[in-house]
N, C-alpha and C. Protein backbone atom coordinates (compact mmCIF):
# COMPACT_ATOMS: atom_id res chain seq x y z
N UNK A 1 -41.92 -36.23 40.70
CA UNK A 1 -41.76 -34.78 40.46
C UNK A 1 -40.44 -34.25 40.56
N UNK A 2 -39.70 -34.86 41.52
CA UNK A 2 -38.25 -34.41 41.79
C UNK A 2 -37.49 -34.92 40.55
N UNK A 3 -37.77 -36.21 40.19
CA UNK A 3 -37.14 -36.81 39.07
C UNK A 3 -37.37 -36.02 37.70
N UNK A 4 -38.35 -35.44 37.50
CA UNK A 4 -38.75 -34.51 36.32
C UNK A 4 -38.08 -33.41 36.38
N UNK A 5 -38.09 -32.73 37.57
CA UNK A 5 -37.36 -31.56 37.80
C UNK A 5 -35.84 -31.66 37.62
N UNK A 6 -35.27 -32.71 37.97
CA UNK A 6 -33.98 -33.11 37.81
C UNK A 6 -33.69 -33.07 36.33
N UNK A 7 -34.59 -33.64 35.47
CA UNK A 7 -34.29 -33.87 34.07
C UNK A 7 -34.31 -32.64 33.39
N UNK A 8 -35.29 -31.73 33.90
CA UNK A 8 -35.39 -30.29 33.18
C UNK A 8 -34.06 -29.58 33.54
N UNK A 9 -33.63 -29.76 34.78
CA UNK A 9 -32.36 -29.02 35.07
C UNK A 9 -31.15 -29.40 34.26
N UNK A 10 -31.11 -30.80 34.10
CA UNK A 10 -30.09 -31.32 33.17
C UNK A 10 -30.23 -30.85 31.71
N UNK A 11 -31.40 -30.77 31.22
CA UNK A 11 -31.63 -30.37 29.97
C UNK A 11 -31.40 -28.84 29.79
N UNK A 12 -31.67 -28.06 30.77
CA UNK A 12 -31.34 -26.67 30.66
C UNK A 12 -29.73 -26.47 30.87
N UNK A 13 -29.25 -27.27 31.70
CA UNK A 13 -27.63 -27.08 31.83
C UNK A 13 -26.94 -27.62 30.46
N UNK A 14 -27.50 -28.59 29.89
CA UNK A 14 -26.93 -29.17 28.70
C UNK A 14 -27.10 -28.08 27.56
N UNK A 15 -28.24 -27.48 27.54
CA UNK A 15 -28.63 -26.32 26.63
C UNK A 15 -27.63 -25.20 26.90
N UNK A 16 -27.32 -24.81 28.03
CA UNK A 16 -26.58 -23.69 28.35
C UNK A 16 -25.17 -23.90 27.80
N UNK A 17 -24.63 -25.15 28.16
CA UNK A 17 -23.30 -25.61 27.67
C UNK A 17 -23.14 -25.58 26.17
N UNK A 18 -24.32 -25.97 25.56
CA UNK A 18 -24.25 -26.09 24.11
C UNK A 18 -24.18 -24.69 23.44
N UNK A 19 -24.90 -23.84 23.97
CA UNK A 19 -25.03 -22.41 23.71
C UNK A 19 -23.66 -21.69 23.83
N UNK A 20 -22.98 -21.93 25.02
CA UNK A 20 -21.57 -21.35 25.18
C UNK A 20 -20.62 -21.85 24.21
N UNK A 21 -20.67 -23.15 23.80
CA UNK A 21 -19.72 -23.77 22.82
C UNK A 21 -20.01 -23.27 21.54
N UNK A 22 -21.31 -23.01 21.22
CA UNK A 22 -21.69 -22.40 19.87
C UNK A 22 -21.04 -20.99 19.85
N UNK A 23 -21.23 -20.12 20.88
CA UNK A 23 -21.03 -18.82 20.90
C UNK A 23 -19.28 -18.66 20.86
N UNK A 24 -18.70 -19.51 21.56
CA UNK A 24 -17.14 -19.49 21.36
C UNK A 24 -16.67 -19.89 20.17
N UNK A 25 -17.36 -20.85 19.44
CA UNK A 25 -16.91 -21.13 18.12
C UNK A 25 -17.17 -20.14 17.10
N UNK A 26 -18.28 -19.58 17.27
CA UNK A 26 -18.64 -18.39 16.30
C UNK A 26 -17.67 -17.31 16.41
N UNK A 27 -17.42 -16.91 17.74
CA UNK A 27 -16.40 -15.81 17.79
C UNK A 27 -15.08 -16.29 17.36
N UNK A 28 -14.67 -17.40 17.56
CA UNK A 28 -13.35 -17.88 16.95
C UNK A 28 -13.51 -17.74 15.40
N UNK A 29 -14.54 -18.14 14.79
CA UNK A 29 -14.70 -17.98 13.38
C UNK A 29 -14.46 -16.43 12.88
N UNK A 30 -15.30 -15.55 13.67
CA UNK A 30 -15.30 -14.30 13.28
C UNK A 30 -13.96 -13.72 13.53
N UNK A 31 -13.01 -14.19 14.39
CA UNK A 31 -11.78 -13.57 14.53
C UNK A 31 -10.91 -13.99 13.42
N UNK A 32 -11.13 -14.93 12.65
CA UNK A 32 -10.48 -15.39 11.44
C UNK A 32 -10.99 -14.43 10.20
N UNK A 33 -10.16 -13.43 9.91
CA UNK A 33 -10.68 -12.32 8.91
C UNK A 33 -11.29 -13.03 7.50
N UNK A 34 -10.40 -14.01 7.08
CA UNK A 34 -10.77 -14.60 5.77
C UNK A 34 -12.34 -15.25 5.94
N UNK A 35 -12.44 -15.98 7.02
CA UNK A 35 -13.97 -16.52 7.26
C UNK A 35 -14.89 -15.42 7.58
N UNK A 36 -14.50 -14.51 8.41
CA UNK A 36 -15.40 -13.42 8.64
C UNK A 36 -16.07 -12.78 7.41
N UNK A 37 -15.08 -12.63 6.32
CA UNK A 37 -15.31 -11.90 5.24
C UNK A 37 -16.39 -12.77 4.42
N UNK A 38 -16.16 -14.15 4.32
CA UNK A 38 -16.92 -15.04 3.66
C UNK A 38 -18.34 -15.05 4.26
N UNK A 39 -18.50 -14.91 5.59
CA UNK A 39 -19.71 -15.06 6.33
C UNK A 39 -20.48 -13.70 6.19
N UNK A 40 -19.79 -12.71 6.26
CA UNK A 40 -20.62 -11.39 6.44
C UNK A 40 -20.65 -10.78 4.94
N UNK A 41 -19.92 -11.17 4.03
CA UNK A 41 -20.01 -10.59 2.56
C UNK A 41 -19.17 -9.33 2.48
N UNK A 42 -18.55 -8.80 3.64
CA UNK A 42 -17.84 -7.60 3.62
C UNK A 42 -16.41 -7.88 3.40
N UNK A 43 -15.88 -7.56 2.29
CA UNK A 43 -14.44 -7.93 2.00
C UNK A 43 -13.56 -6.77 2.07
N UNK A 44 -12.51 -6.87 2.73
CA UNK A 44 -11.38 -5.79 2.97
C UNK A 44 -10.79 -5.56 1.47
N UNK A 45 -10.55 -4.41 1.14
CA UNK A 45 -9.54 -4.27 -0.08
C UNK A 45 -8.25 -4.75 0.19
N UNK A 46 -7.68 -5.43 -0.87
CA UNK A 46 -6.41 -5.92 -0.89
C UNK A 46 -5.50 -5.68 -2.03
N UNK A 47 -4.19 -5.57 -1.80
CA UNK A 47 -3.50 -5.19 -3.11
C UNK A 47 -3.40 -6.29 -4.10
N UNK A 48 -3.35 -5.88 -5.38
CA UNK A 48 -3.35 -6.75 -6.39
C UNK A 48 -2.02 -7.03 -6.90
N UNK A 49 -1.90 -7.59 -8.10
CA UNK A 49 -0.53 -8.08 -8.64
C UNK A 49 0.32 -7.00 -8.69
N UNK A 50 -0.03 -5.56 -8.78
CA UNK A 50 0.91 -4.58 -8.93
C UNK A 50 1.39 -4.07 -7.56
N UNK A 51 0.78 -4.74 -6.54
CA UNK A 51 1.15 -4.35 -5.07
C UNK A 51 0.64 -3.13 -4.47
N UNK A 52 0.52 -2.03 -5.25
CA UNK A 52 0.20 -0.87 -4.64
C UNK A 52 -1.17 -0.33 -4.79
N UNK A 53 -1.97 -1.21 -5.55
CA UNK A 53 -3.36 -0.92 -5.84
C UNK A 53 -4.14 -2.00 -5.79
N UNK A 54 -5.40 -2.00 -5.56
CA UNK A 54 -6.41 -3.08 -5.80
C UNK A 54 -6.22 -3.77 -7.17
N UNK A 55 -6.39 -5.13 -7.44
CA UNK A 55 -6.29 -5.52 -8.87
C UNK A 55 -7.04 -4.77 -9.84
N UNK A 56 -8.26 -4.40 -9.51
CA UNK A 56 -9.11 -3.65 -10.63
C UNK A 56 -8.55 -2.50 -11.05
N UNK A 57 -7.60 -1.77 -10.30
CA UNK A 57 -6.98 -0.59 -10.75
C UNK A 57 -5.57 -0.80 -11.26
N UNK A 58 -4.90 -2.03 -11.10
CA UNK A 58 -3.53 -2.24 -11.73
C UNK A 58 -3.49 -2.00 -13.18
N UNK A 59 -4.70 -2.40 -13.89
CA UNK A 59 -4.53 -2.22 -15.26
C UNK A 59 -4.78 -0.85 -15.76
N UNK A 60 -5.17 0.12 -14.86
CA UNK A 60 -5.25 1.42 -15.21
C UNK A 60 -3.98 2.26 -15.42
N UNK A 61 -2.85 1.49 -14.90
CA UNK A 61 -1.55 2.39 -14.73
C UNK A 61 -0.79 2.17 -16.11
N UNK A 62 -0.11 3.39 -16.51
CA UNK A 62 0.57 3.17 -17.67
C UNK A 62 1.99 3.65 -17.28
N UNK A 63 2.91 2.99 -18.13
CA UNK A 63 4.39 3.40 -17.75
C UNK A 63 4.76 4.38 -18.77
N UNK A 64 5.17 5.60 -18.40
CA UNK A 64 5.46 6.82 -19.35
C UNK A 64 6.85 7.33 -18.93
N UNK A 65 7.46 7.93 -19.94
CA UNK A 65 8.75 8.91 -19.66
C UNK A 65 8.34 9.85 -18.79
N UNK A 66 9.36 10.31 -17.88
CA UNK A 66 9.32 11.28 -16.92
C UNK A 66 9.32 12.65 -17.89
N UNK A 67 8.41 13.60 -17.73
CA UNK A 67 8.20 14.76 -18.58
C UNK A 67 9.43 15.65 -18.61
N UNK A 68 10.18 15.70 -17.45
CA UNK A 68 11.30 16.66 -17.38
C UNK A 68 12.79 16.01 -17.12
N UNK A 69 12.77 14.71 -16.85
CA UNK A 69 13.89 14.07 -16.56
C UNK A 69 14.34 12.95 -17.66
N UNK A 70 15.46 13.17 -18.14
CA UNK A 70 15.87 12.07 -19.26
C UNK A 70 16.15 10.72 -18.57
N UNK A 71 15.65 9.63 -19.40
CA UNK A 71 15.88 8.31 -19.00
C UNK A 71 15.38 7.88 -17.68
N UNK A 72 14.19 8.48 -17.42
CA UNK A 72 13.41 8.27 -16.17
C UNK A 72 12.04 7.81 -16.56
N UNK A 73 11.63 6.71 -16.05
CA UNK A 73 10.15 6.27 -16.30
C UNK A 73 9.49 6.33 -15.01
N UNK A 74 8.05 6.55 -15.15
CA UNK A 74 7.19 6.51 -13.99
C UNK A 74 6.01 5.86 -14.29
N UNK A 75 5.31 5.23 -13.34
CA UNK A 75 4.02 4.65 -13.55
C UNK A 75 2.91 5.76 -13.12
N UNK A 76 1.90 5.93 -14.05
CA UNK A 76 1.00 7.06 -13.83
C UNK A 76 -0.26 6.40 -14.16
N UNK A 77 -1.47 7.11 -13.47
CA UNK A 77 -2.70 6.63 -13.53
C UNK A 77 -3.59 7.78 -13.11
N UNK A 78 -4.85 7.82 -13.69
CA UNK A 78 -5.89 8.74 -13.30
C UNK A 78 -7.00 7.88 -12.69
N UNK A 79 -7.00 7.82 -11.21
CA UNK A 79 -7.84 6.91 -10.55
C UNK A 79 -8.86 7.61 -9.84
N UNK A 80 -10.16 6.88 -9.45
CA UNK A 80 -11.09 7.44 -8.70
C UNK A 80 -10.50 8.13 -7.33
N UNK A 81 -11.06 9.27 -6.96
CA UNK A 81 -10.72 9.77 -5.83
C UNK A 81 -11.07 8.82 -4.57
N UNK A 82 -9.99 8.67 -3.72
CA UNK A 82 -10.23 7.83 -2.56
C UNK A 82 -9.68 6.30 -2.87
N UNK A 83 -9.22 6.06 -4.09
CA UNK A 83 -8.55 4.64 -4.27
C UNK A 83 -7.49 4.64 -3.22
N UNK A 84 -7.37 3.42 -2.67
CA UNK A 84 -6.37 2.92 -1.44
C UNK A 84 -5.01 2.81 -2.34
N UNK A 85 -4.02 3.21 -1.56
CA UNK A 85 -2.70 2.95 -2.03
C UNK A 85 -2.03 2.02 -0.89
N UNK A 86 -1.40 1.02 -1.26
CA UNK A 86 -0.72 0.09 -0.33
C UNK A 86 0.76 0.11 -0.29
N UNK A 87 1.35 -0.32 0.70
CA UNK A 87 2.88 -0.40 0.59
C UNK A 87 3.29 -1.73 -0.13
N UNK A 88 4.16 -1.65 -1.12
CA UNK A 88 4.64 -2.62 -1.80
C UNK A 88 5.86 -3.48 -1.19
N UNK A 89 6.24 -2.94 -0.01
CA UNK A 89 7.36 -3.57 0.51
C UNK A 89 7.22 -3.40 2.15
N UNK A 90 8.08 -4.24 2.77
CA UNK A 90 8.27 -3.82 4.20
C UNK A 90 9.51 -2.90 4.19
N UNK A 91 9.29 -1.79 5.08
CA UNK A 91 10.33 -0.76 5.18
C UNK A 91 10.00 0.41 6.12
N UNK A 92 10.29 1.57 5.65
CA UNK A 92 10.06 2.76 6.32
C UNK A 92 9.40 3.67 5.38
N UNK A 93 8.54 4.61 5.99
CA UNK A 93 8.05 5.70 5.01
C UNK A 93 8.20 6.95 5.74
N UNK A 94 8.21 8.03 5.02
CA UNK A 94 8.40 9.27 5.64
C UNK A 94 7.74 10.39 4.73
N UNK A 95 7.37 11.53 5.46
CA UNK A 95 6.78 12.67 4.69
C UNK A 95 7.65 13.08 3.48
N UNK A 96 7.00 13.32 2.40
CA UNK A 96 7.79 13.92 1.15
C UNK A 96 7.08 14.82 0.28
N UNK A 97 7.63 15.64 -0.23
CA UNK A 97 7.04 16.41 -1.25
C UNK A 97 7.83 16.31 -2.57
N UNK A 98 7.33 16.41 -3.73
CA UNK A 98 8.25 16.41 -4.92
C UNK A 98 7.68 17.62 -5.81
N UNK A 99 8.68 18.22 -6.42
CA UNK A 99 8.31 19.43 -7.24
C UNK A 99 8.44 19.08 -8.72
N UNK A 100 7.73 19.75 -9.41
CA UNK A 100 7.84 19.74 -10.92
C UNK A 100 7.77 20.93 -11.61
N UNK A 101 8.74 21.20 -12.51
CA UNK A 101 8.91 22.51 -13.00
C UNK A 101 7.79 22.74 -14.10
N UNK A 102 7.06 23.85 -13.85
CA UNK A 102 5.96 24.15 -14.87
C UNK A 102 6.70 24.78 -16.11
N UNK A 103 5.82 24.93 -17.06
CA UNK A 103 6.17 25.51 -18.42
C UNK A 103 6.64 26.98 -18.25
N UNK A 104 6.10 27.68 -17.33
CA UNK A 104 6.42 29.13 -17.12
C UNK A 104 7.64 29.21 -16.15
N UNK A 105 8.26 28.18 -15.77
CA UNK A 105 9.50 28.25 -14.87
C UNK A 105 9.27 28.02 -13.48
N UNK A 106 8.00 28.04 -12.86
CA UNK A 106 7.60 27.91 -11.61
C UNK A 106 7.55 26.51 -11.22
N UNK A 107 7.53 26.24 -10.02
CA UNK A 107 7.57 24.87 -9.57
C UNK A 107 6.20 24.54 -8.77
N UNK A 108 5.79 23.39 -8.85
CA UNK A 108 4.55 22.88 -8.26
C UNK A 108 4.96 21.75 -7.41
N UNK A 109 4.53 21.77 -6.28
CA UNK A 109 4.88 20.79 -5.25
C UNK A 109 3.61 19.95 -4.98
N UNK A 110 3.73 18.64 -4.88
CA UNK A 110 2.71 17.63 -4.47
C UNK A 110 2.92 16.87 -3.37
N UNK A 111 1.97 16.62 -2.56
CA UNK A 111 2.19 15.79 -1.27
C UNK A 111 2.51 14.33 -1.85
N UNK A 112 3.36 13.59 -1.01
CA UNK A 112 3.57 12.30 -1.40
C UNK A 112 4.29 11.61 -0.26
N UNK A 113 4.82 10.35 -0.34
CA UNK A 113 5.63 9.70 0.60
C UNK A 113 6.60 8.73 0.00
N UNK A 114 7.79 8.66 0.70
CA UNK A 114 8.87 7.85 0.15
C UNK A 114 8.97 6.49 1.11
N UNK A 115 8.92 5.46 0.48
CA UNK A 115 9.18 4.20 1.34
C UNK A 115 10.49 3.76 0.96
N UNK A 116 11.17 3.25 1.79
CA UNK A 116 12.67 2.73 1.58
C UNK A 116 12.78 1.57 2.56
N UNK A 117 13.71 0.62 1.96
CA UNK A 117 14.22 -0.60 2.69
C UNK A 117 15.45 -0.20 3.51
N UNK A 118 15.48 -0.14 4.57
CA UNK A 118 16.54 0.38 5.40
C UNK A 118 16.50 -0.14 6.90
N UNK A 119 17.58 -0.60 7.49
CA UNK A 119 17.57 -0.90 8.88
C UNK A 119 17.19 0.15 9.77
N UNK A 120 17.53 1.32 9.56
CA UNK A 120 17.07 2.37 10.48
C UNK A 120 16.36 3.61 9.82
N UNK A 121 15.90 3.40 8.60
CA UNK A 121 15.06 4.49 8.08
C UNK A 121 15.86 5.49 7.20
N UNK A 122 17.12 5.33 7.09
CA UNK A 122 17.80 6.30 6.35
C UNK A 122 18.53 5.66 5.14
N UNK A 123 18.74 6.53 4.17
CA UNK A 123 19.50 6.17 2.96
C UNK A 123 20.89 5.93 3.12
N UNK A 124 21.59 6.54 4.22
CA UNK A 124 22.99 6.42 4.22
C UNK A 124 23.63 5.32 4.81
N UNK A 125 22.87 4.39 5.56
CA UNK A 125 23.42 3.29 6.02
C UNK A 125 23.34 2.10 5.52
N UNK A 126 22.51 1.79 4.41
CA UNK A 126 22.33 0.69 3.75
C UNK A 126 22.48 0.64 2.27
N UNK A 127 23.19 -0.21 1.65
CA UNK A 127 23.47 -0.18 0.23
C UNK A 127 22.20 -1.00 -0.24
N UNK A 128 22.06 -0.75 -1.61
CA UNK A 128 20.93 -1.37 -2.35
C UNK A 128 19.46 -1.10 -1.97
N UNK A 129 19.38 0.21 -1.34
CA UNK A 129 18.01 0.61 -0.88
C UNK A 129 17.20 0.92 -2.15
N UNK A 130 15.97 0.69 -2.10
CA UNK A 130 14.92 1.03 -3.21
C UNK A 130 14.12 1.90 -2.52
N UNK A 131 13.79 3.14 -3.25
CA UNK A 131 12.91 4.12 -2.84
C UNK A 131 11.73 4.10 -3.64
N UNK A 132 10.54 4.10 -2.94
CA UNK A 132 9.23 4.09 -3.84
C UNK A 132 8.51 5.40 -3.38
N UNK A 133 8.13 6.04 -4.51
CA UNK A 133 7.47 7.26 -4.26
C UNK A 133 5.99 7.28 -4.94
N UNK A 134 5.06 7.46 -4.24
CA UNK A 134 3.67 7.55 -4.69
C UNK A 134 3.05 8.91 -4.17
N UNK A 135 2.16 9.31 -4.74
CA UNK A 135 1.28 10.51 -4.16
C UNK A 135 0.07 10.31 -3.71
N UNK A 136 -0.23 11.05 -2.59
CA UNK A 136 -1.44 10.98 -1.89
C UNK A 136 -1.88 12.34 -1.33
N UNK A 137 -3.07 12.24 -0.83
CA UNK A 137 -3.61 13.56 -0.20
C UNK A 137 -3.46 13.60 1.26
N UNK A 138 -2.78 12.47 1.79
CA UNK A 138 -2.48 12.47 3.26
C UNK A 138 -0.92 12.46 3.59
N UNK A 139 -0.71 12.94 4.76
CA UNK A 139 0.58 13.12 5.18
C UNK A 139 0.97 11.98 6.19
N UNK A 140 2.18 11.62 6.27
CA UNK A 140 2.69 10.46 7.19
C UNK A 140 3.77 10.87 7.98
N UNK A 141 3.90 10.36 9.08
CA UNK A 141 5.21 10.47 10.07
C UNK A 141 6.14 9.47 9.60
N UNK A 142 7.41 9.50 10.01
CA UNK A 142 8.28 8.46 9.88
C UNK A 142 7.90 7.32 10.52
N UNK A 143 7.92 6.24 9.94
CA UNK A 143 7.55 4.99 10.73
C UNK A 143 7.81 3.71 10.05
N UNK A 144 7.55 2.57 10.58
CA UNK A 144 7.85 1.36 10.12
C UNK A 144 6.53 1.00 9.11
N UNK A 145 6.66 0.34 8.11
CA UNK A 145 5.64 -0.05 7.32
C UNK A 145 5.80 -1.47 6.73
N UNK A 146 4.74 -2.39 6.78
CA UNK A 146 4.78 -3.71 6.24
C UNK A 146 4.05 -3.70 4.93
N UNK A 147 4.48 -4.60 4.14
CA UNK A 147 3.90 -4.86 2.87
C UNK A 147 2.47 -5.21 2.94
N UNK A 148 1.64 -4.46 2.04
CA UNK A 148 0.34 -4.57 2.17
C UNK A 148 -0.41 -3.63 3.09
N UNK A 149 0.23 -2.90 3.76
CA UNK A 149 -0.35 -1.74 4.80
C UNK A 149 -0.92 -0.71 3.91
N UNK A 150 -2.20 -0.20 4.44
CA UNK A 150 -2.88 0.94 3.58
C UNK A 150 -1.90 2.19 3.97
N UNK A 151 -1.60 2.82 3.12
CA UNK A 151 -0.73 4.07 3.21
C UNK A 151 -1.40 5.31 2.89
N UNK A 152 -2.61 5.29 2.09
CA UNK A 152 -3.34 6.56 1.88
C UNK A 152 -4.28 6.45 0.70
N UNK A 153 -4.80 7.50 0.31
CA UNK A 153 -5.76 7.46 -0.69
C UNK A 153 -5.39 8.48 -1.80
N UNK A 154 -5.81 8.08 -2.97
CA UNK A 154 -5.57 9.03 -4.17
C UNK A 154 -6.50 10.26 -4.00
N UNK A 155 -5.89 11.40 -4.25
CA UNK A 155 -6.70 12.63 -4.09
C UNK A 155 -7.19 13.23 -5.30
N UNK A 156 -7.94 14.48 -5.24
CA UNK A 156 -8.56 14.75 -6.60
C UNK A 156 -7.41 15.76 -7.21
N UNK A 157 -6.30 15.83 -6.71
CA UNK A 157 -5.34 16.74 -7.26
C UNK A 157 -4.56 16.07 -8.41
N UNK A 158 -4.60 16.83 -9.66
CA UNK A 158 -3.90 16.18 -10.80
C UNK A 158 -2.48 16.84 -10.84
N UNK A 159 -1.70 15.97 -11.24
CA UNK A 159 -0.20 16.34 -11.40
C UNK A 159 0.03 16.77 -12.91
N UNK A 160 -0.48 18.02 -13.18
CA UNK A 160 -0.64 18.61 -14.45
C UNK A 160 0.53 18.43 -15.29
N UNK A 161 1.76 18.66 -14.61
CA UNK A 161 2.93 18.74 -15.59
C UNK A 161 3.30 17.36 -16.02
N UNK A 162 2.78 16.42 -15.40
CA UNK A 162 2.97 14.94 -15.85
C UNK A 162 1.98 14.58 -16.83
N UNK A 163 0.58 15.13 -16.65
CA UNK A 163 -0.54 14.82 -17.57
C UNK A 163 -1.74 14.74 -16.77
N UNK A 164 -2.75 13.97 -17.29
CA UNK A 164 -4.02 13.92 -16.56
C UNK A 164 -4.04 12.89 -15.63
N UNK A 165 -2.99 12.92 -14.63
CA UNK A 165 -2.92 11.81 -13.65
C UNK A 165 -2.99 12.38 -12.19
N UNK A 166 -3.59 11.61 -11.36
CA UNK A 166 -3.64 12.02 -9.88
C UNK A 166 -2.80 11.01 -9.04
N UNK A 167 -2.10 10.13 -9.85
CA UNK A 167 -1.06 9.34 -9.07
C UNK A 167 0.03 9.12 -9.88
N UNK A 168 1.29 9.05 -9.35
CA UNK A 168 2.42 8.70 -10.13
C UNK A 168 3.28 7.84 -9.04
N UNK A 169 4.05 6.91 -9.77
CA UNK A 169 4.86 6.01 -8.89
C UNK A 169 6.17 5.77 -9.54
N UNK A 170 7.30 5.82 -8.79
CA UNK A 170 8.55 5.58 -9.24
C UNK A 170 9.38 4.61 -8.39
N UNK A 171 10.36 3.96 -9.07
CA UNK A 171 11.27 3.09 -8.19
C UNK A 171 12.72 3.62 -8.60
N UNK A 172 13.44 3.95 -7.58
CA UNK A 172 14.82 4.33 -7.52
C UNK A 172 15.61 3.47 -6.87
N UNK A 173 16.73 2.90 -7.53
CA UNK A 173 17.87 2.16 -6.71
C UNK A 173 18.80 3.11 -6.29
N UNK A 174 19.31 2.75 -5.03
CA UNK A 174 20.40 3.45 -4.46
C UNK A 174 21.58 2.78 -4.66
N UNK A 175 22.56 3.28 -5.42
CA UNK A 175 23.90 2.57 -5.71
C UNK A 175 25.09 3.35 -5.45
N UNK A 176 26.30 2.60 -5.22
CA UNK A 176 27.47 3.32 -5.14
C UNK A 176 28.19 3.35 -6.48
N UNK A 177 28.86 4.45 -6.61
CA UNK A 177 29.61 4.56 -7.81
C UNK A 177 30.76 3.68 -7.97
N UNK A 178 31.50 3.54 -9.03
CA UNK A 178 32.62 2.67 -9.11
C UNK A 178 33.79 3.04 -8.16
N UNK A 179 33.75 4.31 -7.68
CA UNK A 179 34.83 4.73 -6.78
C UNK A 179 34.57 4.12 -5.27
N UNK A 180 33.31 3.58 -5.11
CA UNK A 180 32.75 3.01 -3.79
C UNK A 180 32.69 4.01 -2.69
N UNK A 181 32.73 5.25 -3.16
CA UNK A 181 32.59 6.25 -2.16
C UNK A 181 31.03 7.07 -2.41
N UNK A 182 31.11 7.67 -3.70
CA UNK A 182 29.90 8.31 -3.94
C UNK A 182 28.70 7.54 -4.24
N UNK A 183 27.54 8.11 -3.99
CA UNK A 183 26.22 7.30 -4.21
C UNK A 183 25.57 7.89 -5.27
N UNK A 184 24.60 7.32 -5.81
CA UNK A 184 23.59 7.81 -6.86
C UNK A 184 22.30 7.12 -6.88
N UNK A 185 21.21 7.87 -7.31
CA UNK A 185 20.01 7.28 -7.34
C UNK A 185 19.84 6.80 -8.77
N UNK A 186 19.31 5.71 -9.11
CA UNK A 186 19.15 5.26 -10.63
C UNK A 186 17.73 4.68 -10.77
N UNK A 187 17.10 5.13 -11.73
CA UNK A 187 15.84 4.81 -12.05
C UNK A 187 15.74 3.14 -12.31
N UNK A 188 14.81 2.56 -11.69
CA UNK A 188 14.77 1.19 -11.78
C UNK A 188 13.56 0.95 -12.74
N UNK A 189 13.83 1.01 -13.99
CA UNK A 189 12.78 0.78 -15.05
C UNK A 189 12.28 -0.83 -14.94
N UNK A 190 13.21 -1.59 -14.94
CA UNK A 190 13.06 -3.08 -15.02
C UNK A 190 11.98 -3.60 -13.86
N UNK A 191 12.10 -3.04 -12.68
CA UNK A 191 11.42 -3.38 -11.51
C UNK A 191 10.00 -2.79 -11.69
N UNK A 192 9.96 -1.65 -12.19
CA UNK A 192 8.84 -0.82 -12.43
C UNK A 192 7.86 -1.67 -13.42
N UNK A 193 8.53 -1.94 -14.55
CA UNK A 193 7.88 -2.70 -15.55
C UNK A 193 7.29 -4.13 -15.04
N UNK A 194 8.10 -4.77 -14.31
CA UNK A 194 7.67 -6.09 -13.79
C UNK A 194 6.40 -5.96 -12.68
N UNK A 195 6.33 -4.88 -12.18
CA UNK A 195 5.05 -4.66 -11.24
C UNK A 195 3.92 -4.59 -12.02
N UNK A 196 3.91 -3.93 -13.25
CA UNK A 196 2.81 -3.75 -14.08
C UNK A 196 2.85 -4.44 -15.43
N UNK A 197 3.51 -5.74 -15.39
CA UNK A 197 3.77 -6.53 -16.50
C UNK A 197 2.36 -7.02 -17.10
N UNK A 198 1.29 -6.94 -16.40
CA UNK A 198 0.05 -7.59 -16.74
C UNK A 198 -0.54 -6.53 -17.85
N UNK A 199 -0.03 -5.37 -17.71
CA UNK A 199 -0.70 -4.15 -18.58
C UNK A 199 -0.33 -4.16 -20.05
């Protein structure tokens, strides 16, 4: 009887150890995001080839001339409300608004944000800064941002002066003039075109 009880205890102990190992292994698997997604079937949205949107929306973007500025091109799209916008780079982002002159001479302002590559978050300290501007219904504080971070969502506001679009995106290079003193912002059409080259 004692021997049988001892066997039962060993069996229960073995079973408990086995269950603990299984639970630890399962938790480890769930901690791995990619495996967790496969197991649960719930997939996190990820940036596509155009870096700022999911792949299914990258093809919706058109590169068009800026309606009020010469020699400037912007990427524009009319996307479903709530579409996620991702950071295309590591850098800083800050609150921003941009204004567009309406046909009657008034200006309309739209919420947006600027992302810039800079050691301290300012344009004045680093040469070769690229400024990225997209529009969102959310407001952001000055902060560090990593490539692929979720930055906001597309709102239902249309940027009427630009066209039937609720998101626009531009890339601006920060350069020094030939005198090495003054700076200027130059539209980076080549980088913009490369981001949406599949379109």
